Protein backbone atom coordinates (compact mmCIF):
# COMPACT_ATOMS: atom_id res chain seq x y z
CA MET A 1 14.90 -26.78 -2.25
CA THR A 2 17.23 -26.09 0.80
CA ALA A 3 17.27 -22.58 2.31
CA PRO A 4 20.62 -21.37 3.08
CA THR A 5 21.93 -21.06 6.73
CA ALA A 6 24.30 -18.63 8.20
CA SER A 7 27.13 -20.86 6.95
CA THR A 8 25.85 -21.07 3.62
CA PRO A 9 24.70 -17.52 2.27
CA ALA A 10 22.62 -17.32 -0.47
CA GLY A 11 24.67 -14.55 -2.52
CA ASP A 12 27.68 -12.29 -2.03
CA THR A 13 25.21 -9.29 -1.27
CA ALA A 14 23.01 -11.18 1.32
CA VAL A 15 23.05 -10.79 5.15
CA LEU A 16 21.43 -13.27 7.02
CA ALA A 17 19.25 -12.65 9.73
CA THR A 18 21.15 -13.76 12.77
CA ASN A 19 18.05 -16.39 14.24
CA ALA A 20 16.20 -16.90 10.94
CA PRO A 21 17.65 -18.13 7.60
CA TYR A 22 15.76 -17.30 4.59
CA PRO A 23 15.00 -18.91 1.27
CA THR A 24 17.39 -18.73 -1.50
CA GLY A 25 14.78 -16.75 -3.79
CA ALA A 26 14.52 -14.14 -0.87
CA SER A 27 18.24 -12.85 -1.17
CA LEU A 28 19.40 -10.07 -3.05
CA HIS A 29 20.25 -10.96 -6.53
CA PRO A 30 24.08 -10.21 -7.09
CA ASP A 31 23.01 -7.73 -9.88
CA ASP A 32 19.96 -6.81 -7.78
CA THR A 33 17.63 -7.91 -10.67
CA PRO A 34 13.97 -7.68 -9.61
CA VAL A 35 11.89 -11.00 -9.68
CA GLN A 36 9.70 -11.01 -12.78
CA LEU A 37 6.91 -14.11 -13.59
CA LEU A 38 5.12 -11.94 -15.98
CA GLY A 39 6.30 -9.97 -18.71
CA PRO A 40 4.97 -6.57 -20.08
CA THR A 41 3.53 -8.40 -23.21
CA GLY A 42 1.78 -10.98 -20.96
CA GLU A 43 4.28 -13.67 -21.04
CA ARG A 44 5.02 -16.12 -18.01
CA SER A 45 8.30 -16.70 -17.05
CA SER A 46 9.83 -19.49 -14.55
CA HIS A 47 11.53 -18.84 -11.09
CA PRO A 48 13.37 -21.80 -9.03
CA PHE A 49 11.67 -20.86 -5.90
CA TYR A 50 8.79 -17.99 -6.57
CA GLY A 51 7.53 -20.06 -9.75
CA PRO A 52 6.06 -22.67 -7.50
CA ILE A 53 4.38 -20.09 -5.20
CA ALA A 54 2.90 -18.39 -8.21
CA ALA A 55 1.42 -21.67 -9.25
CA GLU A 56 -1.08 -21.24 -6.53
CA LEU A 57 -2.94 -18.63 -8.56
CA ASP A 58 -5.71 -20.32 -10.76
CA ASP A 59 -7.48 -18.50 -13.11
CA ASP A 60 -10.20 -17.57 -10.81
CA ARG A 61 -7.54 -15.55 -8.53
CA LEU A 62 -6.03 -14.11 -11.72
CA ARG A 63 -9.20 -12.94 -12.63
CA ALA A 64 -10.00 -11.55 -9.48
CA MET A 65 -6.54 -9.76 -9.36
CA TYR A 66 -7.52 -8.06 -12.66
CA ARG A 67 -10.74 -6.92 -11.43
CA ASP A 68 -9.41 -5.37 -8.10
CA MET A 69 -6.90 -3.43 -10.53
CA VAL A 70 -9.51 -2.35 -12.97
CA ILE A 71 -11.70 -1.09 -10.01
CA THR A 72 -9.08 0.42 -8.34
CA ARG A 73 -7.63 2.59 -11.32
CA THR A 74 -11.25 3.69 -12.29
CA PHE A 75 -12.19 4.69 -8.68
CA ASP A 76 -8.69 6.55 -8.51
CA GLN A 77 -9.39 8.09 -11.82
CA GLU A 78 -12.93 9.19 -10.79
CA ALA A 79 -11.47 10.78 -7.56
CA THR A 80 -8.70 12.59 -9.37
CA ARG A 81 -11.66 14.24 -11.63
CA LEU A 82 -13.47 15.07 -8.35
CA GLN A 83 -10.40 17.16 -7.08
CA ARG A 84 -9.96 18.91 -10.39
CA GLN A 85 -13.51 20.01 -10.26
CA GLY A 86 -13.03 21.33 -6.83
CA GLU A 87 -15.20 18.67 -4.97
CA LEU A 88 -12.07 17.26 -3.11
CA GLY A 89 -9.45 19.28 -1.46
CA LEU A 90 -6.60 16.45 -2.34
CA TRP A 91 -6.22 13.36 -3.92
CA ALA A 92 -3.05 11.16 -4.26
CA PRO A 93 -3.31 9.05 -7.30
CA SER A 94 -2.03 5.35 -7.50
CA LEU A 95 -2.28 5.33 -11.19
CA GLY A 96 0.40 2.53 -12.48
CA GLN A 97 0.96 1.19 -9.09
CA GLU A 98 -2.07 -1.14 -9.07
CA ALA A 99 -0.24 -4.59 -9.49
CA ALA A 100 2.10 -3.67 -6.49
CA GLN A 101 -0.84 -3.29 -4.25
CA VAL A 102 -3.28 -5.68 -5.51
CA GLY A 103 -0.73 -8.49 -5.97
CA SER A 104 0.86 -8.17 -2.35
CA ALA A 105 -2.78 -7.75 -0.80
CA HIS A 106 -3.93 -11.05 -2.30
CA ALA A 107 -1.24 -12.71 -0.31
CA TYR A 108 -2.81 -11.75 3.11
CA THR A 109 -5.18 -13.77 5.28
CA ALA A 110 -8.16 -12.41 6.90
CA ASP A 111 -6.24 -12.03 10.48
CA ASP A 112 -3.08 -10.21 9.14
CA MET A 113 -2.98 -6.55 9.64
CA VAL A 114 -2.16 -4.09 7.25
CA PHE A 115 -0.78 -0.58 7.71
CA PRO A 116 -1.26 1.72 4.57
CA SER A 117 -0.08 5.05 3.94
CA TYR A 118 -2.15 7.49 1.71
CA ARG A 119 -1.96 5.94 -1.76
CA GLU A 120 -3.05 2.27 -1.01
CA HIS A 121 -6.37 2.32 -2.82
CA GLY A 122 -5.82 -1.34 -4.25
CA VAL A 123 -5.09 -2.56 -0.74
CA ALA A 124 -8.28 -1.14 0.53
CA GLN A 125 -10.21 -2.56 -2.56
CA VAL A 126 -8.60 -6.10 -1.67
CA ARG A 127 -9.13 -5.93 1.91
CA GLY A 128 -13.12 -5.03 1.48
CA LEU A 129 -12.92 -1.62 2.59
CA PRO A 130 -15.51 0.62 0.80
CA LEU A 131 -13.43 2.89 -1.54
CA THR A 132 -15.95 5.60 -0.45
CA ASP A 133 -14.37 5.40 3.07
CA LEU A 134 -11.13 7.16 1.58
CA LEU A 135 -13.15 10.29 0.50
CA PRO A 136 -14.28 12.26 3.54
CA VAL A 137 -10.98 13.16 4.76
CA MET A 138 -9.87 14.31 1.29
CA ARG A 139 -13.14 16.40 1.19
CA GLY A 140 -12.40 18.06 4.39
CA VAL A 141 -15.57 17.02 6.11
CA SER A 142 -14.04 14.83 8.90
CA HIS A 143 -10.57 13.50 10.03
CA GLY A 144 -11.20 10.45 8.03
CA GLY A 145 -10.36 7.02 9.22
CA TRP A 146 -12.62 4.09 9.77
CA ASP A 147 -12.73 1.06 12.27
CA PRO A 148 -9.13 -0.75 11.63
CA PHE A 149 -10.58 -3.94 12.79
CA ALA A 150 -13.14 -4.59 10.41
CA HIS A 151 -11.05 -5.38 7.70
CA ASN A 152 -7.89 -5.54 9.52
CA LEU A 153 -6.75 -2.35 7.76
CA ALA A 154 -5.15 0.53 9.77
CA VAL A 155 -6.16 3.93 9.09
CA GLN A 156 -4.20 6.14 6.51
CA THR A 157 -1.19 7.72 7.67
CA PHE A 158 -0.06 11.23 6.12
CA VAL A 159 2.93 11.61 8.01
CA ILE A 160 5.65 9.97 5.96
CA SER A 161 6.78 6.70 7.53
CA ALA A 162 5.39 7.24 10.98
CA HIS A 163 3.11 4.16 10.28
CA THR A 164 6.24 1.79 9.80
CA LEU A 165 7.10 2.11 13.77
CA HIS A 166 3.36 1.43 14.34
CA ALA A 167 3.36 -1.47 12.28
CA VAL A 168 6.36 -3.08 13.91
CA GLY A 169 4.91 -2.28 17.62
CA TYR A 170 1.74 -3.93 16.44
CA ALA A 171 3.95 -7.07 15.21
CA MET A 172 5.94 -7.10 18.43
CA GLY A 173 2.19 -7.23 20.15
CA ILE A 174 1.05 -10.25 18.21
CA GLN A 175 4.24 -11.67 18.62
CA ARG A 176 3.88 -11.51 22.59
CA ASP A 177 0.23 -12.49 22.57
CA GLY A 178 1.39 -15.73 21.10
CA ARG A 179 -0.14 -15.38 17.68
CA VAL A 180 3.13 -16.05 15.66
CA GLY A 181 5.07 -19.28 14.90
CA THR A 182 2.40 -21.98 16.72
CA GLY A 183 2.08 -23.78 13.15
CA THR A 184 -1.50 -23.47 13.56
CA ASP A 185 -4.31 -21.18 11.88
CA ALA A 186 -3.79 -18.74 14.72
CA ASP A 187 -0.54 -17.67 13.23
CA ARG A 188 -0.74 -14.00 11.87
CA ALA A 189 1.66 -11.29 10.59
CA VAL A 190 1.72 -7.53 9.80
CA ALA A 191 2.65 -5.80 6.42
CA VAL A 192 3.31 -2.12 6.13
CA TYR A 193 3.55 -0.15 2.88
CA HIS A 194 5.66 2.80 2.33
CA GLY A 195 7.20 4.79 -0.37
CA ASP A 196 10.77 4.93 -1.76
CA GLY A 197 11.05 8.68 -0.05
CA SER A 198 9.98 7.18 3.37
CA THR A 199 13.10 5.15 3.46
CA SER A 200 15.04 8.81 3.83
CA GLN A 201 13.02 9.16 7.16
CA GLY A 202 14.58 8.38 10.77
CA ASP A 203 11.16 6.53 11.49
CA PHE A 204 11.61 4.03 8.63
CA ASN A 205 15.30 3.38 9.60
CA GLU A 206 14.69 2.85 13.12
CA SER A 207 11.69 0.53 12.18
CA LEU A 208 14.30 -1.79 10.71
CA VAL A 209 16.21 -1.64 13.80
CA PHE A 210 13.35 -2.64 16.09
CA ALA A 211 12.19 -5.07 13.61
CA ALA A 212 15.42 -6.91 13.20
CA SER A 213 16.22 -6.83 16.98
CA ASN A 214 12.97 -8.32 17.88
CA ASN A 215 12.75 -10.66 15.05
CA ALA A 216 9.31 -9.17 14.40
CA PRO A 217 6.48 -10.58 12.27
CA VAL A 218 6.29 -7.47 9.96
CA VAL A 219 6.65 -7.09 6.34
CA PHE A 220 7.97 -3.88 4.70
CA ILE A 221 6.78 -3.25 1.23
CA CYS A 222 8.55 -0.18 -0.21
CA GLN A 223 6.45 0.72 -3.34
CA ASN A 224 9.50 2.37 -5.20
CA ASN A 225 7.89 4.45 -7.89
CA SER A 226 10.77 6.39 -8.63
CA TRP A 227 9.90 9.70 -7.42
CA ALA A 228 9.53 11.27 -4.09
CA ILE A 229 7.55 14.19 -5.17
CA SER A 230 10.24 15.63 -7.41
CA VAL A 231 13.33 14.15 -6.13
CA PRO A 232 14.39 10.75 -7.96
CA THR A 233 14.99 7.77 -6.05
CA ALA A 234 18.79 7.66 -7.23
CA THR A 235 19.33 11.07 -5.32
CA GLN A 236 17.95 9.56 -2.42
CA SER A 237 19.58 6.25 -2.20
CA ARG A 238 23.16 5.45 -3.80
CA VAL A 239 22.08 1.74 -3.99
CA PRO A 240 18.96 -0.38 -4.35
CA ILE A 241 16.79 0.42 -1.53
CA ALA A 242 16.25 -3.43 -0.78
CA ARG A 243 19.80 -3.63 0.39
CA ARG A 244 18.97 -1.70 3.38
CA GLY A 245 17.15 -4.80 4.76
CA PRO A 246 20.46 -7.02 4.66
CA GLY A 247 22.49 -3.97 6.24
CA VAL A 248 20.44 -4.81 9.68
CA GLY A 249 20.07 -8.16 9.40
CA ILE A 250 16.56 -8.37 7.54
CA PRO A 251 16.56 -10.54 4.68
CA ALA A 252 15.23 -8.52 1.41
CA VAL A 253 13.83 -9.09 -2.27
CA ARG A 254 13.61 -6.71 -5.25
CA VAL A 255 10.19 -7.25 -7.22
CA ASP A 256 9.04 -6.32 -10.40
CA GLY A 257 6.15 -4.13 -9.05
CA ASN A 258 4.23 -4.02 -12.26
CA ASP A 259 4.23 -7.78 -12.12
CA VAL A 260 1.10 -8.72 -10.09
CA ILE A 261 1.88 -12.65 -10.08
CA ALA A 262 5.57 -11.80 -8.92
CA THR A 263 4.43 -9.38 -6.46
CA TYR A 264 2.02 -12.08 -4.97
CA ALA A 265 4.44 -14.83 -4.71
CA VAL A 266 7.18 -12.71 -3.28
CA THR A 267 4.64 -11.34 -0.43
CA ALA A 268 3.30 -14.73 0.16
CA GLU A 269 6.75 -15.94 1.20
CA ALA A 270 7.50 -13.08 3.52
CA MET A 271 4.30 -13.47 5.06
CA ARG A 272 4.62 -17.17 5.54
CA ARG A 273 8.01 -16.39 7.00
CA ALA A 274 6.70 -13.89 9.41
CA ARG A 275 3.57 -16.06 10.50
CA ALA A 276 6.03 -18.93 11.25
CA GLY A 277 8.05 -16.62 13.54
CA GLU A 278 11.20 -16.44 10.92
CA GLY A 279 11.13 -12.63 11.22
CA PRO A 280 10.80 -9.44 9.09
CA THR A 281 11.27 -8.92 5.11
CA LEU A 282 11.81 -5.91 3.41
CA ILE A 283 10.19 -6.05 -0.40
CA GLU A 284 11.20 -3.49 -2.74
CA ALA A 285 8.34 -3.06 -5.16
CA VAL A 286 10.01 -1.52 -8.39
CA THR A 287 7.22 0.42 -10.07
CA TYR A 288 6.15 4.02 -11.08
CA ARG A 289 3.89 6.70 -10.14
CA MET A 290 2.15 7.52 -13.45
CA GLY A 291 0.38 10.44 -12.33
CA ALA A 292 1.04 13.28 -9.94
CA HIS A 293 2.41 12.88 -6.46
CA THR A 294 -0.90 14.22 -5.44
CA THR A 295 -3.24 16.46 -7.28
CA SER A 296 -1.10 19.62 -5.80
CA ASP A 297 1.99 18.41 -8.11
CA ASP A 298 2.99 18.98 -11.48
CA PRO A 299 5.25 16.11 -12.65
CA THR A 300 5.79 17.70 -15.88
CA ARG A 301 8.22 20.23 -14.15
CA TYR A 302 10.78 17.44 -13.15
CA ARG A 303 10.39 14.42 -15.58
CA THR A 304 10.26 13.86 -19.32
CA SER A 305 7.25 12.26 -21.46
CA GLU A 306 9.83 9.87 -22.66
CA GLU A 307 10.06 8.38 -19.36
CA GLU A 308 6.49 8.31 -18.97
CA GLU A 309 5.96 6.65 -22.18
CA SER A 310 8.64 3.71 -21.16
CA TRP A 311 6.76 3.07 -18.26
CA ARG A 312 3.60 3.23 -20.09
CA GLN A 313 4.47 0.27 -22.01
CA LYS A 314 4.87 -1.81 -18.95
CA ASP A 315 1.36 -1.13 -17.70
CA PRO A 316 0.40 -3.58 -14.98
CA ILE A 317 -3.18 -3.86 -15.94
CA GLU A 318 -2.54 -4.34 -19.78
CA ARG A 319 0.08 -7.20 -19.26
CA LEU A 320 -2.46 -8.99 -17.01
CA ARG A 321 -5.10 -8.65 -19.74
CA LEU A 322 -2.73 -9.78 -22.43
CA HIS A 323 -1.80 -12.88 -20.20
CA LEU A 324 -5.68 -13.83 -19.45
CA VAL A 325 -6.24 -13.57 -23.04
CA ALA A 326 -3.37 -15.74 -24.17
CA THR A 327 -4.18 -18.25 -21.83
CA GLY A 328 -7.83 -18.40 -22.55
CA ALA A 329 -8.50 -17.54 -19.11
CA ALA A 330 -10.97 -14.29 -19.77
CA ASP A 331 -12.98 -13.38 -22.95
CA GLU A 332 -14.27 -10.34 -23.88
CA ASP A 333 -17.59 -10.65 -21.92
CA PHE A 334 -15.41 -11.01 -18.72
CA PHE A 335 -13.52 -7.41 -19.43
CA GLN A 336 -16.58 -5.84 -20.30
CA GLY A 337 -18.19 -6.96 -17.08
CA VAL A 338 -15.33 -5.69 -15.34
CA GLU A 339 -15.38 -2.40 -16.95
CA ALA A 340 -19.16 -2.08 -16.11
CA ASP A 341 -18.33 -2.82 -12.59
CA ALA A 342 -15.59 -0.40 -12.17
CA ALA A 343 -17.81 2.34 -13.66
CA GLU A 344 -20.54 1.82 -11.12
CA VAL A 345 -17.81 2.07 -8.58
CA ALA A 346 -16.83 5.10 -9.75
CA ARG A 347 -20.42 6.47 -10.14
CA ALA A 348 -21.32 5.60 -6.77
CA GLY A 349 -18.02 7.34 -5.48
CA ARG A 350 -19.06 10.76 -7.17
CA GLU A 351 -22.55 10.37 -5.82
CA PHE A 352 -21.22 9.67 -2.22
CA CYS A 353 -18.59 12.36 -2.63
CA LEU A 354 -21.09 15.11 -3.55
CA ALA A 355 -23.27 14.09 -0.68
CA LEU A 356 -20.63 14.72 1.84
CA THR A 357 -21.05 17.64 4.08
CA PRO A 358 -19.37 18.98 7.14
CA GLY A 359 -20.58 18.53 10.49
CA PRO A 360 -20.26 20.94 13.51
CA VAL A 361 -16.73 22.45 13.73
CA ALA A 362 -16.15 21.10 17.34
CA GLU A 363 -16.12 17.85 15.96
CA ILE A 364 -12.42 18.28 14.90
CA PHE A 365 -11.79 17.32 18.52
CA ASP A 366 -13.26 13.92 18.31
CA HIS A 367 -11.01 11.34 18.64
CA VAL A 368 -7.71 13.17 19.16
CA TYR A 369 -7.06 11.08 22.25
CA SER A 370 -8.89 7.59 23.22
CA LEU A 371 -9.68 8.87 26.69
CA PRO A 372 -11.13 12.42 27.68
CA HIS A 373 -8.12 15.07 27.79
CA GLN A 374 -8.37 18.35 29.92
CA GLN A 375 -6.73 20.61 27.09
CA VAL A 376 -8.63 19.06 24.21
CA GLU A 377 -12.15 19.56 25.98
CA ALA A 378 -11.17 23.12 26.77
CA ASP A 379 -10.27 23.82 23.26
CA ARG A 380 -13.49 22.39 22.46
CA ALA A 381 -15.46 24.54 24.86
CA ALA A 382 -13.77 27.57 23.60
CA MET A 383 -14.61 26.93 19.84
CA ILE A 384 -18.43 26.44 20.65
CA GLU A 385 -18.40 29.73 22.73
CA PHE A 386 -16.60 31.57 19.92
CA GLU A 387 -19.30 30.16 17.04
CA SER A 388 -22.15 30.81 19.28
CA GLY A 389 -21.13 34.61 19.10
CA PHE A 390 -21.91 34.36 15.23
CA ALA A 391 -25.40 33.31 15.76
CA ASP A 392 -27.17 36.51 15.84
CA THR A 393 -25.12 37.68 12.76
CA GLU A 394 -26.34 34.46 10.94
CA THR A 395 -30.04 35.41 11.87
CA THR A 396 -29.70 39.18 10.54
CA ASP A 397 -28.23 37.66 7.31
CA GLN A 398 -31.05 35.49 6.81
CA GLU A 399 -33.84 38.01 7.34
CA ALA A 400 -31.90 40.15 5.00
CA ARG A 401 -32.08 37.94 2.09
């Protein structure tokens, strides 16, 4: 298949990057129809461009994707229970978004760098980060975080869309380091996850401009889960979010975010382009947040049970399960084994959470800056002095007891 050039556009809604033509399959469809390769009842469908890419997924990889999705959901549900029981201060559920996360994450190489927001539990699972590392910040015992280079997974970002700029900056850095477009195994790229709500932020739009202007090797993955807390996507954007890309010269594609196979194929092609020096891509993964925005949210106040039920029929895990059964790629022993593994991950997560205790309050000043900072150190000293004033009170209380 020949990719379109600037003189042969792929579709009437497509706007090509000035220095990097993109494949036919990556243009916006004239009707904005998301790419789908696995239907709600587990049936496979073809696609002229993404079908051959999806064919890379053998039964072993499909089983691995299923396992990652089930573990992600089980851990997520356990963390939600922990919050409801007062053991976590907050939790951002990923229920319903497992395919968008796991499918895309399976498309990365070990050297690719990934920037999550705060809901990408499935991405953490695929990248090999212990899911328990997500808990300390939610329990309030530390700032959270981990070594981002241990799994090439940046720390979570809670400030909406701030990390999209971080991702573009990192992509520009590896571009300048000569790690893009060499045609060797040294090539790498960057992926950044964000929600539909983030597209209303200035940071996101600035990120698109920087990425397009620099032909940066970055893939934006928008998990359009229909709701930015209580604001529906249609209120924020009069057109599909994917159209934001062509507006600044970035190719874009919509994909069924509940289809783990299509999400993999679309992301694999976008990352290939980025590593080859062909520039950024915007992916809009159309999915649905089945749970609350966070555990401080009540979704029954702004959406209907009928809407939730309609999306429950498109469950990403169930559709892959149906496909594995229909093709004979997995049997009941496999599914029971996955459930047992997931239950053990959840059990270990609860045990880990309950054992977490806060350190000295002065630790909140650690890692604020990478180098010593005069004001931070002064604040630390003031906090230590303030705490020391309560030492006699604590001793008196203990003696009284």
